Amino acid sequence: MNNIQDSYILSNGNKIPCVAFGTWKLPEADTTVDTVKTAIDCGYRHIDTAFSYYNEVSVGKAVRTCGLKRNELFVTTKLSNDSHGYENTLKEFEMSMDNLGIDYVDLYLIHWPRPLSIRDRWKELNEGTWKAFEELYNAGKIKAIGVSNFLDTHLEVLLDTATIAPMVNQLELHPQYVQSDVVEYCKNRRMIVEAWSPLLKGDFSHPVLIEISKKYNKSVAQILLRWSIQHGFLPLPKASKKERMLENADIFNFDLSEADIEAMKALEVLGRTGAHPDTAEF
């Protein structure tokens, strides 16, 4: 990978840009339209949103009015926790399409495998959801289908009845939380692994990270994103200011040494920053 527009190849042969611009916690507002358009101006070609982010309308407007052709951008959205099951999935997908105002979605993900409200029926409802995903994919409304926050146990259940395997799994991944088992599981099955919270939610205070950033004359954010790229992940950094967007894109002119990557393992004792998919209270 030489820049943020270089791509990984999905199992169906489609390309997916190797860095995505994340939009979690960006509001449904004109400011978000401007933020996403600024990210596109900075070179980002992969925009990640979700129904439950409540900003699909703004993201869609940015995509439609940024000046690029639709096929020059890769748009991801996700099914919310309240809409698992065949009929509910089809209904919410159409709502997402109306929100975004585009003809197709490049990637559609199940956001969480075992939402609290359906925890006792998650296997059955995910089976119905995936059936709807496959139908939408075969109809050309979605160019690729995948999951988010699925551990290998959840993937095994899904694959028992799936006719098309997930092409992507979006996970919390960073030096504090490496999830080696599920990452290996996905890579062995040709699933692209995306990394959410790659910037540790902005906590750049660990001495190891500060030391390594000084060594390379890079910001801690750049060190963390380079860590993702060197592990073969697809990170989803978010930024509100243009200078940060450009900084987060400038991660292809250096390599972390094996010794530095080893040193970063000291962060693993700190663990995850978000919810565990089996115990999330939502």
Protein backbone atom coordinates (compact mmCIF):
# COMPACT_ATOMS: atom_id res chain seq x y z
CA MET A 1 0.00 0.00 0.00
CA ASN A 2 1.38 3.40 -1.04
CA ASN A 3 -1.52 5.76 -0.25
CA ILE A 4 -5.04 5.79 1.18
CA GLN A 5 -6.57 5.15 -2.23
CA ASP A 6 -4.72 1.87 -2.71
CA SER A 7 -7.00 -1.09 -2.24
CA TYR A 8 -7.35 -4.51 -0.77
CA ILE A 9 -9.13 -7.08 -2.92
CA LEU A 10 -12.32 -8.59 -1.53
CA SER A 11 -13.10 -12.27 -1.99
CA ASN A 12 -15.51 -11.39 -4.83
CA GLY A 13 -12.79 -9.46 -6.67
CA ASN A 14 -14.01 -5.97 -5.83
CA LYS A 15 -11.59 -3.37 -4.53
CA ILE A 16 -11.88 -1.71 -1.13
CA PRO A 17 -9.70 1.35 -0.33
CA CYS A 18 -7.23 0.51 2.44
CA VAL A 19 -8.15 3.38 4.78
CA ALA A 20 -11.70 4.51 5.50
CA PHE A 21 -12.95 7.79 6.89
CA GLY A 22 -15.04 7.01 9.97
CA THR A 23 -18.15 9.04 10.81
CA TRP A 24 -19.20 7.70 14.21
CA LYS A 25 -20.54 10.49 16.45
CA LEU A 26 -20.71 12.97 13.58
CA PRO A 27 -24.20 14.52 13.75
CA GLU A 28 -26.91 14.69 11.11
CA ALA A 29 -26.01 18.23 10.11
CA ASP A 30 -24.53 20.43 7.41
CA THR A 31 -21.27 20.39 9.36
CA THR A 32 -21.02 16.65 8.72
CA VAL A 33 -21.64 17.18 5.00
CA ASP A 34 -18.74 19.62 5.01
CA THR A 35 -16.54 17.30 7.09
CA VAL A 36 -17.06 14.34 4.78
CA LYS A 37 -16.50 16.49 1.68
CA THR A 38 -13.29 17.79 3.23
CA ALA A 39 -12.15 14.21 3.83
CA ILE A 40 -12.87 13.39 0.19
CA ASP A 41 -10.90 16.49 -0.85
CA CYS A 42 -8.03 15.17 1.28
CA GLY A 43 -8.02 11.96 -0.75
CA TYR A 44 -10.24 9.59 1.21
CA ARG A 45 -12.30 7.39 -1.07
CA HIS A 46 -13.87 5.08 1.51
CA ILE A 47 -16.59 6.50 3.79
CA ASP A 48 -17.94 4.45 6.69
CA THR A 49 -21.32 5.16 8.29
CA ALA A 50 -24.18 3.20 9.88
CA PHE A 51 -27.93 3.48 10.33
CA SER A 52 -27.41 3.85 14.07
CA TYR A 53 -24.99 6.75 13.61
CA TYR A 54 -27.99 8.84 12.52
CA ASN A 55 -25.95 10.67 9.90
CA GLU A 56 -26.64 8.74 6.69
CA VAL A 57 -28.49 11.69 5.16
CA SER A 58 -25.49 13.97 5.66
CA VAL A 59 -23.01 11.36 4.46
CA GLY A 60 -25.12 10.67 1.39
CA LYS A 61 -25.37 14.36 0.55
CA ALA A 62 -21.60 14.68 0.79
CA VAL A 63 -21.12 11.69 -1.51
CA ARG A 64 -23.59 13.06 -4.05
CA THR A 65 -22.27 16.63 -4.08
CA CYS A 66 -18.50 16.18 -3.68
CA GLY A 67 -17.82 16.36 -7.41
CA LEU A 68 -16.64 12.79 -7.84
CA LYS A 69 -18.44 10.08 -9.77
CA ARG A 70 -20.29 7.56 -7.63
CA ASN A 71 -17.98 4.73 -8.70
CA GLU A 72 -14.98 6.69 -7.43
CA LEU A 73 -16.18 6.36 -3.84
CA PHE A 74 -16.67 3.34 -1.60
CA VAL A 75 -19.60 3.71 0.84
CA THR A 76 -20.21 1.41 3.79
CA THR A 77 -23.25 1.38 6.04
CA LYS A 78 -24.53 -1.05 8.66
CA LEU A 79 -27.72 -2.70 9.85
CA SER A 80 -28.84 -1.49 13.28
CA ASN A 81 -29.40 -3.70 16.32
CA ASP A 82 -33.17 -3.18 16.18
CA SER A 83 -33.60 -4.61 12.69
CA HIS A 84 -32.24 -8.15 12.72
CA GLY A 85 -34.35 -10.74 10.89
CA TYR A 86 -35.26 -11.12 7.23
CA GLU A 87 -38.15 -8.66 6.87
CA ASN A 88 -36.70 -6.07 9.22
CA THR A 89 -33.39 -6.14 7.35
CA LEU A 90 -35.04 -5.51 4.00
CA LYS A 91 -37.08 -2.67 5.48
CA GLU A 92 -34.14 -0.93 7.12
CA PHE A 93 -31.93 -1.34 4.07
CA GLU A 94 -34.44 0.62 2.01
CA MET A 95 -34.47 3.29 4.73
CA SER A 96 -30.68 3.51 4.53
CA MET A 97 -30.86 3.81 0.76
CA ASP A 98 -33.42 6.61 1.07
CA ASN A 99 -31.22 8.33 3.64
CA LEU A 100 -28.08 8.06 1.53
CA GLY A 101 -29.82 8.88 -1.75
CA ILE A 102 -27.54 6.60 -3.78
CA ASP A 103 -28.26 3.69 -6.12
CA TYR A 104 -26.17 1.07 -4.35
CA VAL A 105 -24.05 0.51 -1.26
CA ASP A 106 -20.51 -0.75 -1.70
CA LEU A 107 -20.50 -2.65 1.60
CA TYR A 108 -23.31 -3.56 4.01
CA LEU A 109 -22.50 -4.95 7.45
CA ILE A 110 -24.39 -6.48 10.34
CA HIS A 111 -23.33 -4.01 13.02
CA TRP A 112 -23.38 -6.32 16.08
CA PRO A 113 -23.92 -10.09 16.27
CA ARG A 114 -25.87 -10.39 19.54
CA PRO A 115 -27.79 -7.21 20.38
CA LEU A 116 -29.28 -7.16 23.85
CA SER A 117 -32.89 -7.07 22.64
CA ILE A 118 -32.52 -10.32 20.65
CA ARG A 119 -29.83 -12.09 22.62
CA ASP A 120 -31.95 -15.21 23.16
CA ARG A 121 -32.79 -15.46 19.41
CA TRP A 122 -29.63 -14.11 17.78
CA LYS A 123 -28.79 -17.23 15.80
CA GLU A 124 -32.19 -17.50 14.17
CA LEU A 125 -32.48 -13.79 13.44
CA ASN A 126 -28.97 -13.50 12.03
CA GLU A 127 -29.79 -16.36 9.68
CA GLY A 128 -32.75 -14.38 8.35
CA THR A 129 -30.70 -11.20 8.17
CA TRP A 130 -27.98 -12.89 6.16
CA LYS A 131 -30.54 -14.35 3.78
CA ALA A 132 -31.72 -10.79 3.12
CA PHE A 133 -28.11 -9.62 2.71
CA GLU A 134 -27.49 -12.32 0.11
CA GLU A 135 -30.65 -11.39 -1.80
CA LEU A 136 -29.70 -7.71 -1.84
CA TYR A 137 -26.18 -8.61 -2.96
CA ASN A 138 -27.44 -10.87 -5.75
CA ALA A 139 -29.80 -8.09 -6.86
CA GLY A 140 -26.83 -5.71 -7.21
CA LYS A 141 -28.03 -3.30 -4.52
CA ILE A 142 -24.96 -4.11 -2.43
CA LYS A 143 -21.52 -4.73 -3.95
CA ALA A 144 -20.15 -6.60 -0.91
CA ILE A 145 -21.56 -7.98 2.33
CA GLY A 146 -19.97 -8.51 5.70
CA VAL A 147 -20.21 -8.25 9.45
CA SER A 148 -18.93 -6.16 12.31
CA ASN A 149 -17.90 -7.23 15.81
CA PHE A 150 -18.33 -10.92 14.98
CA LEU A 151 -16.06 -13.30 16.86
CA ASP A 152 -15.20 -16.69 15.38
CA THR A 153 -18.05 -18.26 17.37
CA HIS A 154 -20.58 -15.92 15.76
CA LEU A 155 -19.07 -16.46 12.31
CA GLU A 156 -19.25 -20.25 12.66
CA VAL A 157 -23.00 -20.03 13.33
CA LEU A 158 -23.54 -17.69 10.39
CA LEU A 159 -21.53 -19.87 8.02
CA ASP A 160 -23.62 -22.91 8.91
CA THR A 161 -26.47 -21.55 6.77
CA ALA A 162 -24.83 -18.90 4.57
CA THR A 163 -24.36 -19.50 0.86
CA ILE A 164 -22.07 -16.46 0.56
CA ALA A 165 -19.38 -15.97 3.20
CA PRO A 166 -18.87 -12.54 4.74
CA MET A 167 -16.27 -10.58 2.83
CA VAL A 168 -15.38 -8.20 5.68
CA ASN A 169 -15.33 -8.26 9.48
CA GLN A 170 -15.01 -4.88 11.19
CA LEU A 171 -13.52 -5.27 14.68
CA GLU A 172 -12.12 -3.19 17.49
CA LEU A 173 -8.40 -3.48 16.75
CA HIS A 174 -5.41 -1.52 18.02
CA PRO A 175 -2.25 -2.28 20.02
CA GLN A 176 -4.29 -2.52 23.23
CA TYR A 177 -6.69 -5.10 21.79
CA VAL A 178 -5.32 -7.35 19.08
CA GLN A 179 -7.95 -10.15 18.93
CA SER A 180 -5.44 -12.51 17.31
CA ASP A 181 -7.75 -15.55 17.20
CA VAL A 182 -10.61 -13.93 15.31
CA VAL A 183 -8.19 -12.04 13.05
CA GLU A 184 -6.51 -15.30 12.05
CA TYR A 185 -9.91 -16.93 11.56
CA CYS A 186 -10.99 -14.16 9.19
CA LYS A 187 -7.78 -14.02 7.22
CA ASN A 188 -7.83 -17.79 6.72
CA ARG A 189 -11.27 -17.33 5.14
CA ARG A 190 -10.33 -14.38 2.93
CA MET A 191 -12.28 -11.84 4.98
CA ILE A 192 -10.82 -8.34 4.99
CA VAL A 193 -10.33 -7.20 8.58
CA GLU A 194 -11.27 -3.60 9.30
CA ALA A 195 -10.12 -1.85 12.48
CA TRP A 196 -12.45 0.45 14.39
CA SER A 197 -11.11 2.63 17.20
CA PRO A 198 -7.65 2.45 15.60
CA LEU A 199 -6.69 5.67 17.39
CA LEU A 200 -7.56 4.48 20.91
CA LYS A 201 -10.28 7.14 21.10
CA GLY A 202 -7.57 9.77 21.20
CA ASP A 203 -5.67 8.49 24.23
CA PHE A 204 -2.09 9.05 23.08
CA SER A 205 -0.50 9.20 26.52
CA HIS A 206 1.25 5.82 26.71
CA PRO A 207 5.03 6.31 27.03
CA VAL A 208 5.81 3.61 24.47
CA LEU A 209 3.70 5.36 21.83
CA ILE A 210 5.25 8.73 22.62
CA GLU A 211 8.76 7.27 22.38
CA ILE A 212 8.10 5.58 19.05
CA SER A 213 6.45 8.70 17.62
CA LYS A 214 9.55 10.72 18.45
CA LYS A 215 11.78 8.10 16.85
CA TYR A 216 9.98 8.35 13.51
CA ASN A 217 9.10 12.05 13.80
CA LYS A 218 5.46 11.08 13.37
CA SER A 219 2.39 11.72 15.50
CA VAL A 220 1.06 8.99 17.78
CA ALA A 221 -1.98 8.80 15.51
CA GLN A 222 0.26 8.07 12.53
CA ILE A 223 2.10 5.38 14.50
CA LEU A 224 -1.19 3.70 15.42
CA LEU A 225 -2.50 3.80 11.87
CA ARG A 226 0.79 2.48 10.51
CA TRP A 227 0.50 -0.38 13.02
CA SER A 228 -2.89 -1.24 11.48
CA ILE A 229 -1.59 -1.14 7.92
CA GLN A 230 1.43 -3.30 8.73
CA HIS A 231 -0.89 -5.89 10.29
CA GLY A 232 -2.94 -5.97 7.09
CA PHE A 233 -5.92 -4.23 8.67
CA LEU A 234 -8.12 -1.55 7.13
CA PRO A 235 -8.30 1.27 9.72
CA LEU A 236 -11.22 3.68 10.07
CA PRO A 237 -9.86 6.90 11.57
CA LYS A 238 -12.15 9.84 12.20
CA ALA A 239 -11.10 13.49 12.26
CA SER A 240 -12.95 16.79 12.22
CA LYS A 241 -10.11 19.06 11.10
CA LYS A 242 -8.46 19.03 7.69
CA GLU A 243 -4.94 18.98 9.13
CA ARG A 244 -5.76 15.82 11.09
CA MET A 245 -7.30 14.19 8.02
CA LEU A 246 -4.13 14.87 6.06
CA GLU A 247 -1.96 13.67 8.93
CA ASN A 248 -3.92 10.42 9.19
CA ALA A 249 -3.40 9.86 5.47
CA ASP A 250 0.35 10.41 5.66
CA ILE A 251 1.28 6.93 6.90
CA PHE A 252 2.88 5.31 3.86
CA ASN A 253 6.43 6.70 3.89
CA PHE A 254 7.80 4.73 6.85
CA ASP A 255 7.75 1.25 8.37
CA LEU A 256 7.64 0.38 12.03
CA SER A 257 10.47 -1.97 12.95
CA GLU A 258 9.77 -5.40 14.38
CA ALA A 259 11.30 -4.17 17.64
CA ASP A 260 8.88 -1.26 17.80
CA ILE A 261 5.89 -3.47 17.07
CA GLU A 262 7.10 -5.80 19.80
CA ALA A 263 7.44 -2.86 22.20
CA MET A 264 3.86 -1.83 21.48
CA LYS A 265 2.69 -5.15 22.91
CA ALA A 266 3.11 -3.50 26.32
CA LEU A 267 -0.24 -1.81 25.63
CA GLU A 268 -2.15 -5.11 25.48
CA VAL A 269 -2.72 -5.11 29.26
CA LEU A 270 -4.98 -2.07 28.80
CA GLY A 271 -7.53 -3.97 26.70
CA ARG A 272 -10.49 -2.82 24.66
CA THR A 273 -12.01 0.64 24.57
CA GLY A 274 -15.51 -0.45 23.52
CA ALA A 275 -18.10 -3.10 24.30
CA HIS A 276 -17.66 -6.86 24.00
CA PRO A 277 -20.09 -8.30 21.42
CA ASP A 278 -21.41 -10.97 23.81
CA THR A 279 -22.09 -8.63 26.73
CA ALA A 280 -22.81 -5.24 25.15
CA GLU A 281 -25.70 -3.50 26.90
CA PHE A 282 -27.35 -2.44 23.66
